[in-house]
Amino acid sequence: MIRSELLQELHKANPELRADEIEQVVDIFFDEIAQRLAEGGRVELRGFGAFSTREREARSGRNPRTGETVDVPSKRVPYFKAGKEIRERLNK
């Protein structure tokens, strides 16, 4: 599902809301998750899963085009762990 499909489904389920209101809610939802992760926090949605970040160590990589060795700096990356309820729904 892509963002526009999500907006359409939310509009079908909530016809009393205007499309721009639904889009604003979705924007706020994703912005808040991103902001919390950027601050080093964790976001847990009961029944769905938890978003957090993990630290990746610096390493040596390889440019696939030239074969040249390049240094890849350490960085934080987003991580998602599915909740128990969603895992059970996937394996019915």
PDB file of N, CA and C in Angstrom:
ATOM      1  N   MET A   1       0.845  -1.174   0.000  1.00  0.00           N
ATOM      2  CA  MET A   1       0.000   0.000   0.000  1.00  0.00           C
ATOM      3  C   MET A   1       0.893   1.241   0.000  1.00  0.00           C
ATOM      4  N   ILE A   2       0.545   2.167  -0.840  1.00  0.00           N
ATOM      5  CA  ILE A   2       1.277   3.429  -0.883  1.00  0.00           C
ATOM      6  C   ILE A   2       0.448   4.503  -0.187  1.00  0.00           C
ATOM      7  N   ARG A   3       1.065   5.654   0.036  1.00  0.00           N
ATOM      8  CA  ARG A   3       0.435   6.729   0.807  1.00  0.00           C
ATOM      9  C   ARG A   3      -0.928   7.135   0.236  1.00  0.00           C
ATOM     10  N   SER A   4      -1.016   7.279  -1.068  1.00  0.00           N
ATOM     11  CA  SER A   4      -2.293   7.698  -1.672  1.00  0.00           C
ATOM     12  C   SER A   4      -3.388   6.654  -1.452  1.00  0.00           C
ATOM     13  N   GLU A   5      -3.044   5.377  -1.464  1.00  0.00           N
ATOM     14  CA  GLU A   5      -4.025   4.323  -1.194  1.00  0.00           C
ATOM     15  C   GLU A   5      -4.484   4.384   0.264  1.00  0.00           C
ATOM     16  N   LEU A   6      -3.562   4.664   1.165  1.00  0.00           N
ATOM     17  CA  LEU A   6      -3.921   4.821   2.572  1.00  0.00           C
ATOM     18  C   LEU A   6      -4.902   5.970   2.742  1.00  0.00           C
ATOM     19  N   LEU A   7      -4.625   7.093   2.092  1.00  0.00           N
ATOM     20  CA  LEU A   7      -5.523   8.252   2.172  1.00  0.00           C
ATOM     21  C   LEU A   7      -6.913   7.911   1.633  1.00  0.00           C
ATOM     22  N   GLN A   8      -6.974   7.166   0.534  1.00  0.00           N
ATOM     23  CA  GLN A   8      -8.269   6.776  -0.045  1.00  0.00           C
ATOM     24  C   GLN A   8      -9.054   5.876   0.912  1.00  0.00           C
ATOM     25  N   GLU A   9      -8.370   4.916   1.531  1.00  0.00           N
ATOM     26  CA  GLU A   9      -9.048   4.003   2.464  1.00  0.00           C
ATOM     27  C   GLU A   9      -9.556   4.751   3.688  1.00  0.00           C
ATOM     28  N   LEU A  10      -8.764   5.685   4.193  1.00  0.00           N
ATOM     29  CA  LEU A  10      -9.208   6.480   5.335  1.00  0.00           C
ATOM     30  C   LEU A  10     -10.401   7.355   4.964  1.00  0.00           C
ATOM     31  N   HIS A  11     -10.411   7.877   3.744  1.00  0.00           N
ATOM     32  CA  HIS A  11     -11.540   8.696   3.293  1.00  0.00           C
ATOM     33  C   HIS A  11     -12.811   7.842   3.161  1.00  0.00           C
ATOM     34  N   LYS A  12     -12.674   6.613   2.667  1.00  0.00           N
ATOM     35  CA  LYS A  12     -13.833   5.714   2.560  1.00  0.00           C
ATOM     36  C   LYS A  12     -14.408   5.409   3.945  1.00  0.00           C
ATOM     37  N   ALA A  13     -13.512   5.204   4.924  1.00  0.00           N
ATOM     38  CA  ALA A  13     -13.952   4.860   6.274  1.00  0.00           C
ATOM     39  C   ALA A  13     -14.471   6.077   7.049  1.00  0.00           C
ATOM     40  N   ASN A  14     -14.103   7.277   6.611  1.00  0.00           N
ATOM     41  CA  ASN A  14     -14.501   8.509   7.293  1.00  0.00           C
ATOM     42  C   ASN A  14     -14.994   9.547   6.288  1.00  0.00           C
ATOM     43  N   PRO A  15     -16.140   9.302   5.642  1.00  0.00           N
ATOM     44  CA  PRO A  15     -16.614  10.222   4.598  1.00  0.00           C
ATOM     45  C   PRO A  15     -16.973  11.611   5.122  1.00  0.00           C
ATOM     46  N   GLU A  16     -17.162  11.739   6.443  1.00  0.00           N
ATOM     47  CA  GLU A  16     -17.488  13.051   7.004  1.00  0.00           C
ATOM     48  C   GLU A  16     -16.280  13.988   7.041  1.00  0.00           C
ATOM     49  N   LEU A  17     -15.082  13.445   6.873  1.00  0.00           N
ATOM     50  CA  LEU A  17     -13.869  14.268   6.848  1.00  0.00           C
ATOM     51  C   LEU A  17     -13.487  14.633   5.418  1.00  0.00           C
ATOM     52  N   ARG A  18     -13.001  15.862   5.248  1.00  0.00           N
ATOM     53  CA  ARG A  18     -12.526  16.281   3.925  1.00  0.00           C
ATOM     54  C   ARG A  18     -11.177  15.618   3.643  1.00  0.00           C
ATOM     55  N   ALA A  19     -10.845  15.512   2.369  1.00  0.00           N
ATOM     56  CA  ALA A  19      -9.590  14.872   1.965  1.00  0.00           C
ATOM     57  C   ALA A  19      -8.379  15.591   2.546  1.00  0.00           C
ATOM     58  N   ASP A  20      -8.413  16.922   2.593  1.00  0.00           N
ATOM     59  CA  ASP A  20      -7.273  17.659   3.141  1.00  0.00           C
ATOM     60  C   ASP A  20      -7.131  17.449   4.653  1.00  0.00           C
ATOM     61  N   GLU A  21      -8.243  17.215   5.351  1.00  0.00           N
ATOM     62  CA  GLU A  21      -8.180  16.921   6.787  1.00  0.00           C
ATOM     63  C   GLU A  21      -7.527  15.562   7.028  1.00  0.00           C
ATOM     64  N   ILE A  22      -7.897  14.588   6.218  1.00  0.00           N
ATOM     65  CA  ILE A  22      -7.314  13.251   6.343  1.00  0.00           C
ATOM     66  C   ILE A  22      -5.827  13.303   6.042  1.00  0.00           C
ATOM     67  N   GLU A  23      -5.460  14.038   5.012  1.00  0.00           N
ATOM     68  CA  GLU A  23      -4.046  14.158   4.657  1.00  0.00           C
ATOM     69  C   GLU A  23      -3.258  14.836   5.785  1.00  0.00           C
ATOM     70  N   GLN A  24      -3.846  15.822   6.417  1.00  0.00           N
ATOM     71  CA  GLN A  24      -3.187  16.504   7.530  1.00  0.00           C
ATOM     72  C   GLN A  24      -2.968  15.550   8.700  1.00  0.00           C
ATOM     73  N   VAL A  25      -3.947  14.716   9.003  1.00  0.00           N
ATOM     74  CA  VAL A  25      -3.819  13.737  10.091  1.00  0.00           C
ATOM     75  C   VAL A  25      -2.689  12.754   9.784  1.00  0.00           C
ATOM     76  N   VAL A  26      -2.653  12.255   8.563  1.00  0.00           N
ATOM     77  CA  VAL A  26      -1.605  11.302   8.172  1.00  0.00           C
ATOM     78  C   VAL A  26      -0.230  11.970   8.242  1.00  0.00           C
ATOM     79  N   ASP A  27      -0.127  13.210   7.775  1.00  0.00           N
ATOM     80  CA  ASP A  27       1.141  13.944   7.849  1.00  0.00           C
ATOM     81  C   ASP A  27       1.607  14.097   9.290  1.00  0.00           C
ATOM     82  N   ILE A  28       0.701  14.486  10.170  1.00  0.00           N
ATOM     83  CA  ILE A  28       1.050  14.655  11.582  1.00  0.00           C
ATOM     84  C   ILE A  28       1.492  13.329  12.178  1.00  0.00           C
ATOM     85  N   PHE A  29       0.789  12.260  11.870  1.00  0.00           N
ATOM     86  CA  PHE A  29       1.115  10.925  12.390  1.00  0.00           C
ATOM     87  C   PHE A  29       2.539  10.524  12.021  1.00  0.00           C
ATOM     88  N   PHE A  30       2.866  10.608  10.730  1.00  0.00           N
ATOM     89  CA  PHE A  30       4.202  10.202  10.287  1.00  0.00           C
ATOM     90  C   PHE A  30       5.282  11.172  10.754  1.00  0.00           C
ATOM     91  N   ASP A  31       4.974  12.462  10.793  1.00  0.00           N
ATOM     92  CA  ASP A  31       5.943  13.448  11.281  1.00  0.00           C
ATOM     93  C   ASP A  31       6.290  13.210  12.749  1.00  0.00           C
ATOM     94  N   GLU A  32       5.296  12.870  13.550  1.00  0.00           N
ATOM     95  CA  GLU A  32       5.544  12.609  14.968  1.00  0.00           C
ATOM     96  C   GLU A  32       6.413  11.374  15.167  1.00  0.00           C
ATOM     97  N   ILE A  33       6.170  10.324  14.397  1.00  0.00           N
ATOM     98  CA  ILE A  33       7.009   9.119  14.483  1.00  0.00           C
ATOM     99  C   ILE A  33       8.439   9.471  14.101  1.00  0.00           C
ATOM    100  N   ALA A  34       8.620  10.173  12.989  1.00  0.00           N
ATOM    101  CA  ALA A  34       9.958  10.543  12.527  1.00  0.00           C
ATOM    102  C   ALA A  34      10.668  11.439  13.537  1.00  0.00           C
ATOM    103  N   GLN A  35       9.944  12.395  14.116  1.00  0.00           N
ATOM    104  CA  GLN A  35      10.536  13.309  15.103  1.00  0.00           C
ATOM    105  C   GLN A  35      11.008  12.546  16.334  1.00  0.00           C
ATOM    106  N   ARG A  36      10.178  11.635  16.819  1.00  0.00           N
ATOM    107  CA  ARG A  36      10.543  10.869  18.011  1.00  0.00           C
ATOM    108  C   ARG A  36      11.774  10.003  17.746  1.00  0.00           C
ATOM    109  N   LEU A  37      11.838   9.392  16.575  1.00  0.00           N
ATOM    110  CA  LEU A  37      13.013   8.576  16.226  1.00  0.00           C
ATOM    111  C   LEU A  37      14.254   9.444  16.087  1.00  0.00           C
ATOM    112  N   ALA A  38      14.108  10.636  15.510  1.00  0.00           N
ATOM    113  CA  ALA A  38      15.241  11.550  15.349  1.00  0.00           C
ATOM    114  C   ALA A  38      15.793  11.977  16.706  1.00  0.00           C
ATOM    115  N   GLU A  39      14.923  12.045  17.717  1.00  0.00           N
ATOM    116  CA  GLU A  39      15.350  12.408  19.066  1.00  0.00           C
ATOM    117  C   GLU A  39      15.947  11.224  19.814  1.00  0.00           C
ATOM    118  N   GLY A  40      15.985  10.056  19.168  1.00  0.00           N
ATOM    119  CA  GLY A  40      16.526   8.860  19.803  1.00  0.00           C
ATOM    120  C   GLY A  40      15.500   8.070  20.583  1.00  0.00           C
ATOM    121  N   GLY A  41      14.227   8.426  20.431  1.00  0.00           N
ATOM    122  CA  GLY A  41      13.155   7.761  21.165  1.00  0.00           C
ATOM    123  C   GLY A  41      12.644   6.517  20.461  1.00  0.00           C
ATOM    124  N   ARG A  42      11.571   6.000  21.008  1.00  0.00           N
ATOM    125  CA  ARG A  42      10.938   4.780  20.507  1.00  0.00           C
ATOM    126  C   ARG A  42       9.442   5.066  20.391  1.00  0.00           C
ATOM    127  N   VAL A  43       8.800   4.480  19.383  1.00  0.00           N
ATOM    128  CA  VAL A  43       7.355   4.639  19.197  1.00  0.00           C
ATOM    129  C   VAL A  43       6.745   3.247  19.196  1.00  0.00           C
ATOM    130  N   GLU A  44       5.821   3.016  20.131  1.00  0.00           N
ATOM    131  CA  GLU A  44       5.173   1.719  20.227  1.00  0.00           C
ATOM    132  C   GLU A  44       3.686   1.873  19.948  1.00  0.00           C
ATOM    133  N   LEU A  45       3.191   1.120  18.978  1.00  0.00           N
ATOM    134  CA  LEU A  45       1.768   1.107  18.635  1.00  0.00           C
ATOM    135  C   LEU A  45       1.238  -0.274  19.012  1.00  0.00           C
ATOM    136  N   ARG A  46       0.547  -0.340  20.126  1.00  0.00           N
ATOM    137  CA  ARG A  46       0.059  -1.629  20.647  1.00  0.00           C
ATOM    138  C   ARG A  46      -0.733  -2.369  19.574  1.00  0.00           C
ATOM    139  N   GLY A  47      -0.446  -3.649  19.428  1.00  0.00           N
ATOM    140  CA  GLY A  47      -1.130  -4.472  18.444  1.00  0.00           C
ATOM    141  C   GLY A  47      -0.546  -4.372  17.052  1.00  0.00           C
ATOM    142  N   PHE A  48       0.365  -3.435  16.841  1.00  0.00           N
ATOM    143  CA  PHE A  48       0.971  -3.269  15.517  1.00  0.00           C
ATOM    144  C   PHE A  48       2.462  -3.528  15.573  1.00  0.00           C
ATOM    145  N   GLY A  49       3.183  -2.748  16.383  1.00  0.00           N
ATOM    146  CA  GLY A  49       4.614  -2.950  16.487  1.00  0.00           C
ATOM    147  C   GLY A  49       5.305  -1.744  17.080  1.00  0.00           C
ATOM    148  N   ALA A  50       6.638  -1.788  17.065  1.00  0.00           N
ATOM    149  CA  ALA A  50       7.431  -0.720  17.667  1.00  0.00           C
ATOM    150  C   ALA A  50       8.500  -0.253  16.692  1.00  0.00           C
ATOM    151  N   PHE A  51       8.645   1.063  16.609  1.00  0.00           N
ATOM    152  CA  PHE A  51       9.686   1.683  15.804  1.00  0.00           C
ATOM    153  C   PHE A  51      10.787   2.152  16.750  1.00  0.00           C
ATOM    154  N   SER A  52      12.023   1.916  16.373  1.00  0.00           N
ATOM    155  CA  SER A  52      13.159   2.407  17.145  1.00  0.00           C
ATOM    156  C   SER A  52      14.312   2.619  16.171  1.00  0.00           C
ATOM    157  N   THR A  53      15.467   2.975  16.708  1.00  0.00           N
ATOM    158  CA  THR A  53      16.643   3.120  15.852  1.00  0.00           C
ATOM    159  C   THR A  53      17.735   2.209  16.372  1.00  0.00           C
ATOM    160  N   ARG A  54      18.629   1.841  15.499  1.00  0.00           N
ATOM    161  CA  ARG A  54      19.796   1.045  15.858  1.00  0.00           C
ATOM    162  C   ARG A  54      21.032   1.733  15.312  1.00  0.00           C
ATOM    163  N   GLU A  55      22.114   1.549  16.020  1.00  0.00           N
ATOM    164  CA  GLU A  55      23.380   2.160  15.626  1.00  0.00           C
ATOM    165  C   GLU A  55      24.136   1.189  14.714  1.00  0.00           C
ATOM    166  N   ARG A  56      24.619   1.694  13.603  1.00  0.00           N
ATOM    167  CA  ARG A  56      25.476   0.899  12.709  1.00  0.00           C
ATOM    168  C   ARG A  56      26.905   1.388  12.859  1.00  0.00           C
ATOM    169  N   GLU A  57      27.825   0.467  13.012  1.00  0.00           N
ATOM    170  CA  GLU A  57      29.242   0.793  13.160  1.00  0.00           C
ATOM    171  C   GLU A  57      29.813   1.315  11.839  1.00  0.00           C
ATOM    172  N   ALA A  58      30.876   2.083  11.947  1.00  0.00           N
ATOM    173  CA  ALA A  58      31.606   2.499  10.743  1.00  0.00           C
ATOM    174  C   ALA A  58      32.238   1.255  10.129  1.00  0.00           C
ATOM    175  N   ARG A  59      32.369   1.245   8.828  1.00  0.00           N
ATOM    176  CA  ARG A  59      32.946   0.073   8.151  1.00  0.00           C
ATOM    177  C   ARG A  59      33.550   0.492   6.828  1.00  0.00           C
ATOM    178  N   SER A  60      34.248  -0.448   6.223  1.00  0.00           N
ATOM    179  CA  SER A  60      34.769  -0.233   4.878  1.00  0.00           C
ATOM    180  C   SER A  60      33.801  -0.870   3.896  1.00  0.00           C
ATOM    181  N   GLY A  61      33.460  -0.133   2.865  1.00  0.00           N
ATOM    182  CA  GLY A  61      32.563  -0.648   1.838  1.00  0.00           C
ATOM    183  C   GLY A  61      33.271  -0.641   0.502  1.00  0.00           C
ATOM    184  N   ARG A  62      32.524  -1.003  -0.531  1.00  0.00           N
ATOM    185  CA  ARG A  62      33.109  -1.051  -1.870  1.00  0.00           C
ATOM    186  C   ARG A  62      32.146  -0.414  -2.840  1.00  0.00           C
ATOM    187  N   ASN A  63      32.667   0.482  -3.668  1.00  0.00           N
ATOM    188  CA  ASN A  63      31.873   1.089  -4.723  1.00  0.00           C
ATOM    189  C   ASN A  63      31.654   0.015  -5.789  1.00  0.00           C
ATOM    190  N   PRO A  64      30.409  -0.405  -6.050  1.00  0.00           N
ATOM    191  CA  PRO A  64      30.173  -1.495  -7.000  1.00  0.00           C
ATOM    192  C   PRO A  64      30.551  -1.137  -8.436  1.00  0.00           C
ATOM    193  N   ARG A  65      30.535   0.138  -8.765  1.00  0.00           N
ATOM    194  CA  ARG A  65      30.852   0.553 -10.127  1.00  0.00           C
ATOM    195  C   ARG A  65      32.362   0.496 -10.399  1.00  0.00           C
ATOM    196  N   THR A  66      33.153   0.996  -9.437  1.00  0.00           N
ATOM    197  CA  THR A  66      34.604   1.094  -9.660  1.00  0.00           C
ATOM    198  C   THR A  66      35.403   0.040  -8.915  1.00  0.00           C
ATOM    199  N   GLY A  67      34.783  -0.581  -7.885  1.00  0.00           N
ATOM    200  CA  GLY A  67      35.508  -1.544  -7.074  1.00  0.00           C
ATOM    201  C   GLY A  67      36.379  -0.879  -6.010  1.00  0.00           C
ATOM    202  N   GLU A  68      36.370   0.446  -5.978  1.00  0.00           N
ATOM    203  CA  GLU A  68      37.184   1.204  -5.029  1.00  0.00           C
ATOM    204  C   GLU A  68      36.643   1.027  -3.605  1.00  0.00           C
ATOM    205  N   THR A  69      37.556   0.905  -2.623  1.00  0.00           N
ATOM    206  CA  THR A  69      37.172   0.804  -1.220  1.00  0.00           C
ATOM    207  C   THR A  69      36.836   2.197  -0.695  1.00  0.00           C
ATOM    208  N   VAL A  70      35.711   2.290   0.020  1.00  0.00           N
ATOM    209  CA  VAL A  70      35.288   3.570   0.593  1.00  0.00           C
ATOM    210  C   VAL A  70      34.957   3.368   2.068  1.00  0.00           C
ATOM    211  N   ASP A  71      35.181   4.408   2.864  1.00  0.00           N
ATOM    212  CA  ASP A  71      34.819   4.363   4.276  1.00  0.00           C
ATOM    213  C   ASP A  71      33.358   4.770   4.428  1.00  0.00           C
ATOM    214  N   VAL A  72      32.597   3.941   5.142  1.00  0.00           N
ATOM    215  CA  VAL A  72      31.192   4.227   5.421  1.00  0.00           C
ATOM    216  C   VAL A  72      31.122   4.626   6.889  1.00  0.00           C
ATOM    217  N   PRO A  73      30.682   5.847   7.197  1.00  0.00           N
ATOM    218  CA  PRO A  73      30.660   6.299   8.589  1.00  0.00           C
ATOM    219  C   PRO A  73      29.575   5.590   9.410  1.00  0.00           C
ATOM    220  N   SER A  74      29.700   5.647  10.728  1.00  0.00           N
ATOM    221  CA  SER A  74      28.664   5.079  11.583  1.00  0.00           C
ATOM    222  C   SER A  74      27.399   5.924  11.426  1.00  0.00           C
ATOM    223  N   LYS A  75      26.244   5.294  11.669  1.00  0.00           N
ATOM    224  CA  LYS A  75      24.979   6.011  11.520  1.00  0.00           C
ATOM    225  C   LYS A  75      23.878   5.288  12.271  1.00  0.00           C
ATOM    226  N   ARG A  76      22.789   6.015  12.503  1.00  0.00           N
ATOM    227  CA  ARG A  76      21.592   5.419  13.084  1.00  0.00           C
ATOM    228  C   ARG A  76      20.638   5.075  11.954  1.00  0.00           C
ATOM    229  N   VAL A  77      19.993   3.919  12.071  1.00  0.00           N
ATOM    230  CA  VAL A  77      19.030   3.489  11.054  1.00  0.00           C
ATOM    231  C   VAL A  77      17.715   3.113  11.737  1.00  0.00           C
ATOM    232  N   PRO A  78      16.578   3.323  11.064  1.00  0.00           N
ATOM    233  CA  PRO A  78      15.294   2.950  11.659  1.00  0.00           C
ATOM    234  C   PRO A  78      15.144   1.432  11.717  1.00  0.00           C
ATOM    235  N   TYR A  79      14.415   0.976  12.731  1.00  0.00           N
ATOM    236  CA  TYR A  79      14.182  -0.451  12.932  1.00  0.00           C
ATOM    237  C   TYR A  79      12.723  -0.625  13.345  1.00  0.00           C
ATOM    238  N   PHE A  80      12.062  -1.652  12.805  1.00  0.00           N
ATOM    239  CA  PHE A  80      10.677  -1.943  13.156  1.00  0.00           C
ATOM    240  C   PHE A  80      10.573  -3.374  13.632  1.00  0.00           C
ATOM    241  N   LYS A  81       9.911  -3.565  14.757  1.00  0.00           N
ATOM    242  CA  LYS A  81       9.644  -4.909  15.259  1.00  0.00           C
ATOM    243  C   LYS A  81       8.140  -5.085  15.322  1.00  0.00           C
ATOM    244  N   ALA A  82       7.630  -6.050  14.584  1.00  0.00           N
ATOM    245  CA  ALA A  82       6.190  -6.297  14.532  1.00  0.00           C
ATOM    246  C   ALA A  82       5.694  -6.798  15.881  1.00  0.00           C
ATOM    247  N   GLY A  83       4.480  -6.382  16.246  1.00  0.00           N
ATOM    248  CA  GLY A  83       3.854  -6.819  17.488  1.00  0.00           C
ATOM    249  C   GLY A  83       3.276  -8.220  17.358  1.00  0.00           C
ATOM    250  N   LYS A  84       2.959  -8.798  18.509  1.00  0.00           N
ATOM    251  CA  LYS A  84       2.436 -10.166  18.566  1.00  0.00           C
ATOM    252  C   LYS A  84       1.151 -10.314  17.753  1.00  0.00           C
ATOM    253  N   GLU A  85       0.230  -9.350  17.872  1.00  0.00           N
ATOM    254  CA  GLU A  85      -1.058  -9.459  17.184  1.00  0.00           C
ATOM    255  C   GLU A  85      -0.906  -9.460  15.664  1.00  0.00           C
ATOM    256  N   ILE A  86      -0.020  -8.606  15.150  1.00  0.00           N
ATOM    257  CA  ILE A  86       0.151  -8.555  13.686  1.00  0.00           C
ATOM    258  C   ILE A  86       0.850  -9.827  13.180  1.00  0.00           C
ATOM    259  N   ARG A  87       1.787 -10.348  13.963  1.00  0.00           N
ATOM    260  CA  ARG A  87       2.451 -11.593  13.564  1.00  0.00           C
ATOM    261  C   ARG A  87       1.443 -12.744  13.519  1.00  0.00           C
ATOM    262  N   GLU A  88       0.520 -12.759  14.484  1.00  0.00           N
ATOM    263  CA  GLU A  88      -0.513 -13.816  14.506  1.00  0.00           C
ATOM    264  C   GLU A  88      -1.444 -13.686  13.302  1.00  0.00           C
ATOM    265  N   ARG A  89      -1.811 -12.447  12.934  1.00  0.00           N
ATOM    266  CA  ARG A  89      -2.679 -12.238  11.768  1.00  0.00           C
ATOM    267  C   ARG A  89      -2.009 -12.685  10.478  1.00  0.00           C
ATOM    268  N   LEU A  90      -0.698 -12.498  10.390  1.00  0.00           N
ATOM    269  CA  LEU A  90       0.024 -12.908   9.185  1.00  0.00           C
ATOM    270  C   LEU A  90       0.096 -14.422   9.052  1.00  0.00           C
ATOM    271  N   ASN A  91       0.027 -15.134  10.154  1.00  0.00           N
ATOM    272  CA  ASN A  91       0.209 -16.586  10.152  1.00  0.00           C
ATOM    273  C   ASN A  91      -1.058 -17.351  10.454  1.00  0.00           C
ATOM    274  N   LYS A  92      -2.220 -16.793  10.095  1.00  0.00           N
ATOM    275  CA  LYS A  92      -3.510 -17.500  10.299  1.00  0.00           C
ATOM    276  C   LYS A  92      -3.634 -18.645   9.353  1.00  0.00           C
TER     277      LYS A  92
END
